[in-house]
Amino acid sequence: MSRVKRVFVALTALLILVSMLSGCGEKVGSYTINSRPVMTVNGFEVSYDEYKYFYYNHMVDLKNEDVTDFDKPENLQKLKERTEQSLRTKYTVMSLIDKYEIKLEKDDAQDVNDSVSGYIYEQGGEAKFRSWLADSRMTGDVFRDMLEYTFFYDVYLRELLMTGYDNCIKMDDATIKQDVMDNFYRYTQIFIEFGEGDNYVINGEKMNEAYQLLKSGEDFVEVAKKYSDWNVNSEKGVYATEGEKLWIIEKTALELEIGEYSEVVKSTEGHHIIKRLPLEESYVDKNLEDLEVASFTRRYHEYIDSLSKDAEVVYNKYYETISHEMLIKYELYEG
């Protein structure tokens, strides 16, 4: 999961928090630092504040992928391309929202207010809330806008298209099954979690022990029973598709042949040994309903991505004055 959306995942529960903390008419936590437009996407204006949020957080993602030197033109270009793609995606969705005349309900707007109020409360007040936003290079207005987009507009569009509306994404059983067989992968793993208080080095040594046992011919499932923290049946494994799992797990699994296992790989969650398993048609037939949402989500992203390629992106002259240093700078709102 990218950092761009990670800050919103934990907020779902907050949408039901303390409605008395916010007034019905006011936009709680709303403020800007620089609302000047830098570009348009499909006619929607993108402010400096919004562009900065996507830019900075994609930089963090790239650093996690060991892309660190942004003095190199090719790395800076990659960062700009990812930022533009996120904005293309968002405003492709918003163009469909307009096309299908999807509107926020009054209760939705109040839920956003309640969520922001709840988060201000959880952070310990307005000042700490603004400091948290500044850490993510976000303003109050960008935060509110992303809440609306992530938890309402995007969700409402998915719900509409999942019904087969406008025949954009087919949801019949035959299509779903074919998608799973063509675009999913199945894997199992030995996983030693890096929990609070754990020693990363010691955990790595344990995983190396497990790896040596596998190399000596020990059965993968038996080694997993002894070493793994994974709460999934190691013999059955899981079915997954693009973007569902940690990028290092997906990358590693897809590079393996069926039946092959990886060397020890590290992630932010711990140490892994990945083994790729074959897709089983009989399992897919029996579990088609469970796989339906993942199949739809993959094809929804594919559909939006295909439309986003044709999104009209126009940069203005102000954009040409913005530097990398400006876009990563910590700015705390003092108003």
C-alpha atoms as a PDB file:
ATOM      1  CA  MET A   1       0.000   0.000   0.000  1.00  0.00           C
ATOM      2  CA  SER A   2       1.399   3.390  -0.923  1.00  0.00           C
ATOM      3  CA  ARG A   3       1.960   6.123   1.633  1.00  0.00           C
ATOM      4  CA  VAL A   4      -0.333   8.371  -0.417  1.00  0.00           C
ATOM      5  CA  LYS A   5      -3.413   6.571   0.920  1.00  0.00           C
ATOM      6  CA  ARG A   6      -1.968   4.966   4.041  1.00  0.00           C
ATOM      7  CA  VAL A   7      -2.778   7.964   6.234  1.00  0.00           C
ATOM      8  CA  PHE A   8      -6.499   7.463   5.528  1.00  0.00           C
ATOM      9  CA  VAL A   9      -6.843   3.728   6.159  1.00  0.00           C
ATOM     10  CA  ALA A  10      -7.210   4.086   9.912  1.00  0.00           C
ATOM     11  CA  LEU A  11      -9.833   6.793   9.601  1.00  0.00           C
ATOM     12  CA  THR A  12     -12.807   4.622   8.646  1.00  0.00           C
ATOM     13  CA  ALA A  13     -13.814   4.110  12.267  1.00  0.00           C
ATOM     14  CA  LEU A  14     -13.459   7.810  12.931  1.00  0.00           C
ATOM     15  CA  LEU A  15     -16.340   8.589  10.597  1.00  0.00           C
ATOM     16  CA  ILE A  16     -18.716   7.691  13.452  1.00  0.00           C
ATOM     17  CA  LEU A  17     -16.918   9.649  16.187  1.00  0.00           C
ATOM     18  CA  VAL A  18     -18.202  12.485  18.355  1.00  0.00           C
ATOM     19  CA  SER A  19     -20.500  14.404  16.041  1.00  0.00           C
ATOM     20  CA  MET A  20     -21.066  16.932  18.818  1.00  0.00           C
ATOM     21  CA  LEU A  21     -17.489  18.151  18.375  1.00  0.00           C
ATOM     22  CA  SER A  22     -18.276  19.788  15.042  1.00  0.00           C
ATOM     23  CA  GLY A  23     -20.895  22.250  13.929  1.00  0.00           C
ATOM     24  CA  CYS A  24     -23.155  21.301  11.070  1.00  0.00           C
ATOM     25  CA  GLY A  25     -22.362  24.401   9.023  1.00  0.00           C
ATOM     26  CA  GLU A  26     -18.618  24.848   9.455  1.00  0.00           C
ATOM     27  CA  LYS A  27     -15.784  22.960   7.820  1.00  0.00           C
ATOM     28  CA  VAL A  28     -13.744  21.707  10.770  1.00  0.00           C
ATOM     29  CA  GLY A  29      -9.953  21.817  10.420  1.00  0.00           C
ATOM     30  CA  SER A  30     -10.114  23.663   7.120  1.00  0.00           C
ATOM     31  CA  TYR A  31      -7.110  25.745   6.026  1.00  0.00           C
ATOM     32  CA  THR A  32      -4.778  26.246   3.077  1.00  0.00           C
ATOM     33  CA  ILE A  33      -1.154  27.322   2.744  1.00  0.00           C
ATOM     34  CA  ASN A  34      -0.970  27.845  -0.994  1.00  0.00           C
ATOM     35  CA  SER A  35      -4.167  27.227  -2.953  1.00  0.00           C
ATOM     36  CA  ARG A  36      -2.754  28.627  -6.182  1.00  0.00           C
ATOM     37  CA  PRO A  37      -3.374  26.214  -9.104  1.00  0.00           C
ATOM     38  CA  VAL A  38      -0.348  24.544 -10.693  1.00  0.00           C
ATOM     39  CA  MET A  39      -2.186  22.491 -13.314  1.00  0.00           C
ATOM     40  CA  THR A  40      -5.550  21.180 -14.462  1.00  0.00           C
ATOM     41  CA  VAL A  41      -6.553  17.558 -15.031  1.00  0.00           C
ATOM     42  CA  ASN A  42      -9.693  17.044 -17.107  1.00  0.00           C
ATOM     43  CA  GLY A  43     -10.535  20.649 -16.322  1.00  0.00           C
ATOM     44  CA  PHE A  44     -10.237  20.192 -12.520  1.00  0.00           C
ATOM     45  CA  GLU A  45      -7.803  22.622 -10.900  1.00  0.00           C
ATOM     46  CA  VAL A  46      -4.961  21.103  -8.849  1.00  0.00           C
ATOM     47  CA  SER A  47      -3.639  23.424  -6.166  1.00  0.00           C
ATOM     48  CA  TYR A  48      -0.032  23.704  -5.059  1.00  0.00           C
ATOM     49  CA  ASP A  49      -1.056  22.214  -1.692  1.00  0.00           C
ATOM     50  CA  GLU A  50      -2.584  19.128  -3.300  1.00  0.00           C
ATOM     51  CA  TYR A  51       0.284  18.625  -5.728  1.00  0.00           C
ATOM     52  CA  LYS A  52       2.768  18.894  -2.852  1.00  0.00           C
ATOM     53  CA  TYR A  53       0.943  16.203  -0.868  1.00  0.00           C
ATOM     54  CA  PHE A  54       1.099  13.669  -3.690  1.00  0.00           C
ATOM     55  CA  TYR A  55       4.654  14.625  -4.656  1.00  0.00           C
ATOM     56  CA  TYR A  56       6.119  14.317  -1.169  1.00  0.00           C
ATOM     57  CA  ASN A  57       4.435  11.027  -0.335  1.00  0.00           C
ATOM     58  CA  HIS A  58       5.433   9.434  -3.621  1.00  0.00           C
ATOM     59  CA  MET A  59       8.985  10.487  -2.801  1.00  0.00           C
ATOM     60  CA  VAL A  60       8.696   8.556   0.478  1.00  0.00           C
ATOM     61  CA  ASP A  61       7.395   5.523  -1.433  1.00  0.00           C
ATOM     62  CA  LEU A  62      10.335   5.678  -3.844  1.00  0.00           C
ATOM     63  CA  LYS A  63      12.789   5.894  -0.961  1.00  0.00           C
ATOM     64  CA  ASN A  64      11.251   2.714   0.429  1.00  0.00           C
ATOM     65  CA  GLU A  65      12.062   1.172  -2.952  1.00  0.00           C
ATOM     66  CA  ASP A  66      15.688   2.342  -2.593  1.00  0.00           C
ATOM     67  CA  VAL A  67      15.330   5.264  -5.002  1.00  0.00           C
ATOM     68  CA  THR A  68      16.953   7.997  -2.929  1.00  0.00           C
ATOM     69  CA  ASP A  69      19.026  10.372  -5.054  1.00  0.00           C
ATOM     70  CA  PHE A  70      16.647  12.942  -6.496  1.00  0.00           C
ATOM     71  CA  ASP A  71      19.498  15.004  -7.883  1.00  0.00           C
ATOM     72  CA  LYS A  72      19.512  12.419 -10.665  1.00  0.00           C
ATOM     73  CA  PRO A  73      17.207  13.601 -13.472  1.00  0.00           C
ATOM     74  CA  GLU A  74      15.837  10.084 -14.066  1.00  0.00           C
ATOM     75  CA  ASN A  75      14.770   9.713 -10.406  1.00  0.00           C
ATOM     76  CA  LEU A  76      13.196  13.152 -10.350  1.00  0.00           C
ATOM     77  CA  GLN A  77      11.351  12.326 -13.555  1.00  0.00           C
ATOM     78  CA  LYS A  78      10.059   9.077 -12.051  1.00  0.00           C
ATOM     79  CA  LEU A  79       8.772  11.021  -9.047  1.00  0.00           C
ATOM     80  CA  LYS A  80       6.994  13.562 -11.246  1.00  0.00           C
ATOM     81  CA  GLU A  81       5.447  10.801 -13.349  1.00  0.00           C
ATOM     82  CA  ARG A  82       4.067   9.011 -10.292  1.00  0.00           C
ATOM     83  CA  THR A  83       2.667  12.257  -8.954  1.00  0.00           C
ATOM     84  CA  GLU A  84       0.983  13.039 -12.252  1.00  0.00           C
ATOM     85  CA  GLN A  85      -0.428   9.500 -12.479  1.00  0.00           C
ATOM     86  CA  SER A  86      -2.028   9.777  -9.046  1.00  0.00           C
ATOM     87  CA  LEU A  87      -3.647  13.035 -10.080  1.00  0.00           C
ATOM     88  CA  ARG A  88      -4.749  11.552 -13.405  1.00  0.00           C
ATOM     89  CA  THR A  89      -6.361   8.680 -11.490  1.00  0.00           C
ATOM     90  CA  LYS A  90      -8.112  10.900  -8.969  1.00  0.00           C
ATOM     91  CA  TYR A  91      -9.569  13.266 -11.529  1.00  0.00           C
ATOM     92  CA  THR A  92     -10.539  10.460 -13.890  1.00  0.00           C
ATOM     93  CA  VAL A  93     -12.658   9.164 -11.004  1.00  0.00           C
ATOM     94  CA  MET A  94     -14.028  12.654 -10.377  1.00  0.00           C
ATOM     95  CA  SER A  95     -14.901  12.986 -14.081  1.00  0.00           C
ATOM     96  CA  LEU A  96     -16.959   9.787 -13.804  1.00  0.00           C
ATOM     97  CA  ILE A  97     -18.536  11.127 -10.620  1.00  0.00           C
ATOM     98  CA  ASP A  98     -19.724  14.121 -12.653  1.00  0.00           C
ATOM     99  CA  LYS A  99     -20.802  11.935 -15.581  1.00  0.00           C
ATOM    100  CA  TYR A 100     -22.972   9.712 -13.385  1.00  0.00           C
ATOM    101  CA  GLU A 101     -24.165  12.655 -11.278  1.00  0.00           C
ATOM    102  CA  ILE A 102     -23.030  11.109  -7.999  1.00  0.00           C
ATOM    103  CA  LYS A 103     -23.499  13.570  -5.157  1.00  0.00           C
ATOM    104  CA  LEU A 104     -22.517  13.622  -1.507  1.00  0.00           C
ATOM    105  CA  GLU A 105     -25.454  13.412   0.836  1.00  0.00           C
ATOM    106  CA  LYS A 106     -25.880  15.881   3.695  1.00  0.00           C
ATOM    107  CA  ASP A 107     -24.974  13.114   6.162  1.00  0.00           C
ATOM    108  CA  ASP A 108     -21.759  12.425   4.231  1.00  0.00           C
ATOM    109  CA  ALA A 109     -20.573  16.001   4.640  1.00  0.00           C
ATOM    110  CA  GLN A 110     -21.383  15.814   8.339  1.00  0.00           C
ATOM    111  CA  ASP A 111     -19.468  12.518   8.597  1.00  0.00           C
ATOM    112  CA  VAL A 112     -16.395  14.229   7.154  1.00  0.00           C
ATOM    113  CA  ASN A 113     -16.729  16.994   9.743  1.00  0.00           C
ATOM    114  CA  ASP A 114     -17.164  14.437  12.515  1.00  0.00           C
ATOM    115  CA  SER A 115     -14.144  12.483  11.294  1.00  0.00           C
ATOM    116  CA  VAL A 116     -11.914  15.560  11.254  1.00  0.00           C
ATOM    117  CA  SER A 117     -13.183  16.579  14.696  1.00  0.00           C
ATOM    118  CA  GLY A 118     -12.514  13.101  16.002  1.00  0.00           C
ATOM    119  CA  TYR A 119      -9.015  13.104  14.597  1.00  0.00           C
ATOM    120  CA  ILE A 120      -8.250  16.524  16.107  1.00  0.00           C
ATOM    121  CA  TYR A 121      -9.410  15.102  19.423  1.00  0.00           C
ATOM    122  CA  GLU A 122      -7.320  11.935  19.005  1.00  0.00           C
ATOM    123  CA  GLN A 123      -4.222  13.966  18.145  1.00  0.00           C
ATOM    124  CA  GLY A 124      -4.612  16.091  21.272  1.00  0.00           C
ATOM    125  CA  GLY A 125      -5.890  19.343  19.838  1.00  0.00           C
ATOM    126  CA  GLU A 126      -5.754  21.606  16.805  1.00  0.00           C
ATOM    127  CA  ALA A 127      -2.045  22.449  17.095  1.00  0.00           C
ATOM    128  CA  LYS A 128      -0.941  18.795  17.180  1.00  0.00           C
ATOM    129  CA  PHE A 129      -3.367  17.975  14.386  1.00  0.00           C
ATOM    130  CA  ARG A 130      -1.788  20.643  12.183  1.00  0.00           C
ATOM    131  CA  SER A 131       1.674  19.344  13.062  1.00  0.00           C
ATOM    132  CA  TRP A 132       0.612  15.834  12.019  1.00  0.00           C
ATOM    133  CA  LEU A 133      -0.711  17.178   8.734  1.00  0.00           C
ATOM    134  CA  ALA A 134       2.525  19.085   8.127  1.00  0.00           C
ATOM    135  CA  ASP A 135       4.512  15.855   8.607  1.00  0.00           C
ATOM    136  CA  SER A 136       2.597  14.410   5.650  1.00  0.00           C
ATOM    137  CA  ARG A 137       2.864  17.716   3.723  1.00  0.00           C
ATOM    138  CA  MET A 138      -0.881  18.114   3.925  1.00  0.00           C
ATOM    139  CA  THR A 139      -3.193  21.011   4.704  1.00  0.00           C
ATOM    140  CA  GLY A 140      -6.596  20.864   6.344  1.00  0.00           C
ATOM    141  CA  ASP A 141      -8.329  21.396   3.010  1.00  0.00           C
ATOM    142  CA  VAL A 142      -6.332  18.661   1.275  1.00  0.00           C
ATOM    143  CA  PHE A 143      -7.052  16.306   4.178  1.00  0.00           C
ATOM    144  CA  ARG A 144     -10.782  16.952   3.974  1.00  0.00           C
ATOM    145  CA  ASP A 145     -10.760  16.614   0.193  1.00  0.00           C
ATOM    146  CA  MET A 146      -8.964  13.255   0.374  1.00  0.00           C
ATOM    147  CA  LEU A 147     -11.414  12.015   2.999  1.00  0.00           C
ATOM    148  CA  GLU A 148     -14.311  12.863   0.699  1.00  0.00           C
ATOM    149  CA  TYR A 149     -12.574  11.254  -2.265  1.00  0.00           C
ATOM    150  CA  THR A 150     -11.376   8.083  -0.522  1.00  0.00           C
ATOM    151  CA  PHE A 151     -14.375   7.241   1.645  1.00  0.00           C
ATOM    152  CA  PHE A 152     -17.275   8.609  -0.384  1.00  0.00           C
ATOM    153  CA  TYR A 153     -16.758   9.483  -4.052  1.00  0.00           C
ATOM    154  CA  ASP A 154     -14.488   6.542  -4.909  1.00  0.00           C
ATOM    155  CA  VAL A 155     -16.594   4.138  -2.835  1.00  0.00           C
ATOM    156  CA  TYR A 156     -19.873   5.289  -4.401  1.00  0.00           C
ATOM    157  CA  LEU A 157     -18.421   4.917  -7.903  1.00  0.00           C
ATOM    158  CA  ARG A 158     -17.191   1.389  -7.127  1.00  0.00           C
ATOM    159  CA  GLU A 159     -20.580   0.418  -5.710  1.00  0.00           C
ATOM    160  CA  LEU A 160     -22.299   1.694  -8.838  1.00  0.00           C
ATOM    161  CA  LEU A 161     -19.955  -0.034 -11.305  1.00  0.00           C
ATOM    162  CA  MET A 162     -19.962  -3.304  -9.337  1.00  0.00           C
ATOM    163  CA  THR A 163     -23.630  -3.679 -10.262  1.00  0.00           C
ATOM    164  CA  GLY A 164     -22.562  -3.860 -13.915  1.00  0.00           C
ATOM    165  CA  TYR A 165     -23.882  -0.331 -14.531  1.00  0.00           C
ATOM    166  CA  ASP A 166     -23.136   1.036 -18.003  1.00  0.00           C
ATOM    167  CA  ASN A 167     -21.494  -2.331 -18.786  1.00  0.00           C
ATOM    168  CA  CYS A 168     -18.099  -0.867 -17.827  1.00  0.00           C
ATOM    169  CA  ILE A 169     -16.999  -3.861 -15.753  1.00  0.00           C
ATOM    170  CA  LYS A 170     -18.651  -7.239 -16.354  1.00  0.00           C
ATOM    171  CA  MET A 171     -19.571  -9.130 -13.176  1.00  0.00           C
ATOM    172  CA  ASP A 172     -20.865 -12.481 -14.483  1.00  0.00           C
ATOM    173  CA  ASP A 173     -19.341 -15.658 -13.022  1.00  0.00           C
ATOM    174  CA  ALA A 174     -17.557 -16.674 -16.234  1.00  0.00           C
ATOM    175  CA  THR A 175     -15.792 -13.301 -16.480  1.00  0.00           C
ATOM    176  CA  ILE A 176     -14.758 -13.340 -12.819  1.00  0.00           C
ATOM    177  CA  LYS A 177     -13.426 -16.907 -13.067  1.00  0.00           C
ATOM    178  CA  GLN A 178     -11.437 -16.138 -16.204  1.00  0.00           C
ATOM    179  CA  ASP A 179      -9.980 -13.043 -14.553  1.00  0.00           C
ATOM    180  CA  VAL A 180      -8.861 -15.039 -11.507  1.00  0.00           C
ATOM    181  CA  MET A 181      -7.247 -17.746 -13.629  1.00  0.00           C
ATOM    182  CA  ASP A 182      -5.489 -15.164 -15.828  1.00  0.00           C
ATOM    183  CA  ASN A 183      -4.488 -12.464 -13.360  1.00  0.00           C
ATOM    184  CA  PHE A 184      -4.230 -13.924  -9.858  1.00  0.00           C
ATOM    185  CA  TYR A 185      -1.368 -15.757  -8.221  1.00  0.00           C
ATOM    186  CA  ARG A 186      -1.288 -18.106  -5.240  1.00  0.00           C
ATOM    187  CA  TYR A 187       1.432 -18.225  -2.644  1.00  0.00           C
ATOM    188  CA  THR A 188       2.290 -19.402   0.820  1.00  0.00           C
ATOM    189  CA  GLN A 189       5.018 -18.151   3.088  1.00  0.00           C
ATOM    190  CA  ILE A 190       7.115 -18.582   6.179  1.00  0.00           C
ATOM    191  CA  PHE A 191       6.797 -15.280   7.981  1.00  0.00           C
ATOM    192  CA  ILE A 192       8.509 -14.021  11.129  1.00  0.00           C
ATOM    193  CA  GLU A 193       6.822 -10.821  12.178  1.00  0.00           C
ATOM    194  CA  PHE A 194       8.806  -7.834  13.354  1.00  0.00           C
ATOM    195  CA  GLY A 195       6.668  -6.906  16.342  1.00  0.00           C
ATOM    196  CA  GLU A 196       7.149  -4.260  18.986  1.00  0.00           C
ATOM    197  CA  GLY A 197      10.155  -5.125  21.147  1.00  0.00           C
ATOM    198  CA  ASP A 198      11.437  -7.760  18.714  1.00  0.00           C
ATOM    199  CA  ASN A 199      15.065  -7.840  17.662  1.00  0.00           C
ATOM    200  CA  TYR A 200      15.225  -7.604  13.879  1.00  0.00           C
ATOM    201  CA  VAL A 201      18.655  -9.253  13.757  1.00  0.00           C
ATOM    202  CA  ILE A 202      17.582 -12.213  15.895  1.00  0.00           C
ATOM    203  CA  ASN A 203      14.446 -12.662  13.809  1.00  0.00           C
ATOM    204  CA  GLY A 204      16.601 -12.656  10.707  1.00  0.00           C
ATOM    205  CA  GLU A 205      18.809 -15.351  12.167  1.00  0.00           C
ATOM    206  CA  LYS A 206      15.732 -17.493  12.910  1.00  0.00           C
ATOM    207  CA  MET A 207      14.556 -17.083   9.344  1.00  0.00           C
ATOM    208  CA  ASN A 208      17.975 -18.049   8.034  1.00  0.00           C
ATOM    209  CA  GLU A 209      17.707 -21.236  10.109  1.00  0.00           C
ATOM    210  CA  ALA A 210      14.375 -21.973   8.439  1.00  0.00           C
ATOM    211  CA  TYR A 211      15.875 -21.298   5.011  1.00  0.00           C
ATOM    212  CA  GLN A 212      18.764 -23.699   5.652  1.00  0.00           C
ATOM    213  CA  LEU A 213      16.288 -26.416   6.670  1.00  0.00           C
ATOM    214  CA  LEU A 214      14.430 -25.928   3.387  1.00  0.00           C
ATOM    215  CA  LYS A 215      17.679 -26.159   1.441  1.00  0.00           C
ATOM    216  CA  SER A 216      18.498 -29.407   3.237  1.00  0.00           C
ATOM    217  CA  GLY A 217      15.240 -30.911   1.965  1.00  0.00           C
ATOM    218  CA  GLU A 218      12.823 -30.276   4.843  1.00  0.00           C
ATOM    219  CA  ASP A 219       9.145 -29.946   3.881  1.00  0.00           C
ATOM    220  CA  PHE A 220       7.983 -26.329   3.509  1.00  0.00           C
ATOM    221  CA  VAL A 221       4.778 -26.844   5.508  1.00  0.00           C
ATOM    222  CA  GLU A 222       6.626 -28.519   8.380  1.00  0.00           C
ATOM    223  CA  VAL A 223       9.216 -25.750   8.553  1.00  0.00           C
ATOM    224  CA  ALA A 224       6.409 -23.192   8.476  1.00  0.00           C
ATOM    225  CA  LYS A 225       4.709 -24.898  11.430  1.00  0.00           C
ATOM    226  CA  LYS A 226       7.892 -24.536  13.442  1.00  0.00           C
ATOM    227  CA  TYR A 227       8.944 -21.000  12.508  1.00  0.00           C
ATOM    228  CA  SER A 228       6.114 -19.019  10.919  1.00  0.00           C
ATOM    229  CA  ASP A 229       3.933 -16.353  12.571  1.00  0.00           C
ATOM    230  CA  TRP A 230       1.551 -16.407   9.590  1.00  0.00           C
ATOM    231  CA  ASN A 231      -2.017 -17.206  10.590  1.00  0.00           C
ATOM    232  CA  VAL A 232      -2.913 -18.797   7.254  1.00  0.00           C
ATOM    233  CA  ASN A 233      -2.816 -22.517   6.463  1.00  0.00           C
ATOM    234  CA  SER A 234       0.649 -22.854   4.943  1.00  0.00           C
ATOM    235  CA  GLU A 235      -0.425 -25.711   2.702  1.00  0.00           C
ATOM    236  CA  LYS A 236      -3.433 -23.904   1.204  1.00  0.00           C
ATOM    237  CA  GLY A 237      -1.862 -20.444   0.950  1.00  0.00           C
ATOM    238  CA  VAL A 238      -3.776 -17.465  -0.413  1.00  0.00           C
ATOM    239  CA  TYR A 239      -4.970 -16.148  -3.764  1.00  0.00           C
ATOM    240  CA  ALA A 240      -4.029 -12.572  -4.557  1.00  0.00           C
ATOM    241  CA  THR A 241      -3.894 -10.132  -7.419  1.00  0.00           C
ATOM    242  CA  GLU A 242      -1.988  -6.970  -8.255  1.00  0.00           C
ATOM    243  CA  GLY A 243      -1.796  -4.391  -5.479  1.00  0.00           C
ATOM    244  CA  GLU A 244      -3.355  -6.528  -2.733  1.00  0.00           C
ATOM    245  CA  LYS A 245      -0.199  -7.507  -0.878  1.00  0.00           C
ATOM    246  CA  LEU A 246       3.040  -5.796   0.105  1.00  0.00           C
ATOM    247  CA  TRP A 247       4.920  -4.909  -3.070  1.00  0.00           C
ATOM    248  CA  ILE A 248       7.917  -7.051  -2.079  1.00  0.00           C
ATOM    249  CA  ILE A 249       5.675 -10.112  -1.580  1.00  0.00           C
ATOM    250  CA  GLU A 250       3.951  -9.588  -4.914  1.00  0.00           C
ATOM    251  CA  LYS A 251       7.212  -8.976  -6.759  1.00  0.00           C
ATOM    252  CA  THR A 252       8.881 -12.004  -5.188  1.00  0.00           C
ATOM    253  CA  ALA A 253       5.943 -14.366  -5.771  1.00  0.00           C
ATOM    254  CA  LEU A 254       5.547 -13.390  -9.416  1.00  0.00           C
ATOM    255  CA  GLU A 255       9.229 -13.961 -10.104  1.00  0.00           C
ATOM    256  CA  LEU A 256       9.020 -17.561  -8.840  1.00  0.00           C
ATOM    257  CA  GLU A 257       8.130 -20.638 -10.839  1.00  0.00           C
ATOM    258  CA  ILE A 258       5.274 -22.805  -9.535  1.00  0.00           C
ATOM    259  CA  GLY A 259       6.569 -24.848  -6.591  1.00  0.00           C
ATOM    260  CA  GLU A 260       9.704 -22.728  -6.165  1.00  0.00           C
ATOM    261  CA  TYR A 261      10.504 -20.839  -2.963  1.00  0.00           C
ATOM    262  CA  SER A 262      12.471 -17.624  -2.517  1.00  0.00           C
ATOM    263  CA  GLU A 263      15.456 -16.659  -0.475  1.00  0.00           C
ATOM    264  CA  VAL A 264      14.775 -14.656   2.695  1.00  0.00           C
ATOM    265  CA  VAL A 265      13.243 -11.272   1.837  1.00  0.00           C
ATOM    266  CA  LYS A 266      12.717  -8.362   4.204  1.00  0.00           C
ATOM    267  CA  SER A 267       9.785  -6.001   4.476  1.00  0.00           C
ATOM    268  CA  THR A 268       8.568  -3.376   6.913  1.00  0.00           C
ATOM    269  CA  GLU A 269       6.552  -6.162   8.583  1.00  0.00           C
ATOM    270  CA  GLY A 270       9.278  -8.759   9.028  1.00  0.00           C
ATOM    271  CA  HIS A 271      11.139 -11.540   7.228  1.00  0.00           C
ATOM    272  CA  HIS A 272       9.556 -13.744   4.571  1.00  0.00           C
ATOM    273  CA  ILE A 273      10.264 -16.865   2.549  1.00  0.00           C
ATOM    274  CA  ILE A 274       7.719 -16.993  -0.274  1.00  0.00           C
ATOM    275  CA  LYS A 275       6.642 -20.135  -2.093  1.00  0.00           C
ATOM    276  CA  ARG A 276       4.498 -19.949  -5.214  1.00  0.00           C
ATOM    277  CA  LEU A 277       1.648 -22.435  -5.518  1.00  0.00           C
ATOM    278  CA  PRO A 278      -0.473 -23.399  -8.532  1.00  0.00           C
ATOM    279  CA  LEU A 279      -3.937 -21.950  -9.095  1.00  0.00           C
ATOM    280  CA  GLU A 280      -6.596 -24.642  -8.668  1.00  0.00           C
ATOM    281  CA  GLU A 281      -9.680 -24.360 -10.850  1.00  0.00           C
ATOM    282  CA  SER A 282     -11.753 -26.422  -8.411  1.00  0.00           C
ATOM    283  CA  TYR A 283     -10.928 -23.980  -5.603  1.00  0.00           C
ATOM    284  CA  VAL A 284     -11.829 -21.014  -7.781  1.00  0.00           C
ATOM    285  CA  ASP A 285     -15.178 -22.583  -8.685  1.00  0.00           C
ATOM    286  CA  LYS A 286     -16.026 -23.189  -5.015  1.00  0.00           C
ATOM    287  CA  ASN A 287     -14.858 -19.765  -3.822  1.00  0.00           C
ATOM    288  CA  LEU A 288     -15.911 -17.512  -6.683  1.00  0.00           C
ATOM    289  CA  GLU A 289     -18.050 -15.345  -4.403  1.00  0.00           C
ATOM    290  CA  ASP A 290     -15.083 -14.743  -2.065  1.00  0.00           C
ATOM    291  CA  LEU A 291     -12.856 -13.804  -5.013  1.00  0.00           C
ATOM    292  CA  GLU A 292     -15.444 -11.508  -6.607  1.00  0.00           C
ATOM    293  CA  VAL A 293     -14.466  -8.297  -4.804  1.00  0.00           C
ATOM    294  CA  ALA A 294     -10.738  -8.759  -5.467  1.00  0.00           C
ATOM    295  CA  SER A 295     -11.458  -9.428  -9.143  1.00  0.00           C
ATOM    296  CA  PHE A 296     -13.679  -6.369  -9.389  1.00  0.00           C
ATOM    297  CA  THR A 297     -11.107  -4.196  -7.602  1.00  0.00           C
ATOM    298  CA  ARG A 298      -8.356  -5.284  -9.998  1.00  0.00           C
ATOM    299  CA  ARG A 299     -10.519  -4.618 -13.038  1.00  0.00           C
ATOM    300  CA  TYR A 300     -11.803  -1.342 -11.584  1.00  0.00           C
ATOM    301  CA  HIS A 301      -8.208  -0.097 -11.269  1.00  0.00           C
ATOM    302  CA  GLU A 302      -7.478  -1.369 -14.771  1.00  0.00           C
ATOM    303  CA  TYR A 303     -10.535   0.468 -16.107  1.00  0.00           C
ATOM    304  CA  ILE A 304      -9.652   3.724 -14.353  1.00  0.00           C
ATOM    305  CA  ASP A 305      -6.014   3.419 -15.453  1.00  0.00           C
ATOM    306  CA  SER A 306      -7.073   2.955 -19.068  1.00  0.00           C
ATOM    307  CA  LEU A 307      -9.244   6.074 -18.917  1.00  0.00           C
ATOM    308  CA  SER A 308      -6.588   8.076 -17.064  1.00  0.00           C
ATOM    309  CA  LYS A 309      -4.190   7.706 -20.001  1.00  0.00           C
ATOM    310  CA  ASP A 310      -6.471   9.993 -21.967  1.00  0.00           C
ATOM    311  CA  ALA A 311      -6.902  12.512 -19.164  1.00  0.00           C
ATOM    312  CA  GLU A 312      -6.090  16.050 -20.296  1.00  0.00           C
ATOM    313  CA  VAL A 313      -3.217  17.418 -18.197  1.00  0.00           C
ATOM    314  CA  VAL A 314      -2.265  21.075 -18.557  1.00  0.00           C
ATOM    315  CA  TYR A 315       0.553  22.595 -16.495  1.00  0.00           C
ATOM    316  CA  ASN A 316       0.595  26.375 -16.062  1.00  0.00           C
ATOM    317  CA  LYS A 317       3.446  28.860 -15.812  1.00  0.00           C
ATOM    318  CA  TYR A 318       3.397  28.835 -12.020  1.00  0.00           C
ATOM    319  CA  TYR A 319       4.266  25.120 -12.064  1.00  0.00           C
ATOM    320  CA  GLU A 320       7.500  25.946 -13.866  1.00  0.00           C
ATOM    321  CA  THR A 321       8.642  28.032 -10.870  1.00  0.00           C
ATOM    322  CA  ILE A 322       8.218  25.207  -8.318  1.00  0.00           C
ATOM    323  CA  SER A 323      11.346  23.364  -7.177  1.00  0.00           C
ATOM    324  CA  HIS A 324      11.889  19.957  -5.564  1.00  0.00           C
ATOM    325  CA  GLU A 325      13.042  21.732  -2.401  1.00  0.00           C
ATOM    326  CA  MET A 326       9.774  23.684  -2.179  1.00  0.00           C
ATOM    327  CA  LEU A 327       7.684  20.558  -2.559  1.00  0.00           C
ATOM    328  CA  ILE A 328       9.383  18.601   0.226  1.00  0.00           C
ATOM    329  CA  LYS A 329       9.689  21.493   2.672  1.00  0.00           C
ATOM    330  CA  TYR A 330       7.992  21.168   6.082  1.00  0.00           C
ATOM    331  CA  GLU A 331       5.440  23.975   6.419  1.00  0.00           C
ATOM    332  CA  LEU A 332       3.426  24.368   9.612  1.00  0.00           C
ATOM    333  CA  TYR A 333       0.260  26.431   9.377  1.00  0.00           C
ATOM    334  CA  GLU A 334       0.250  29.044  12.151  1.00  0.00           C
ATOM    335  CA  GLY A 335      -3.059  30.771  11.403  1.00  0.00           C
END
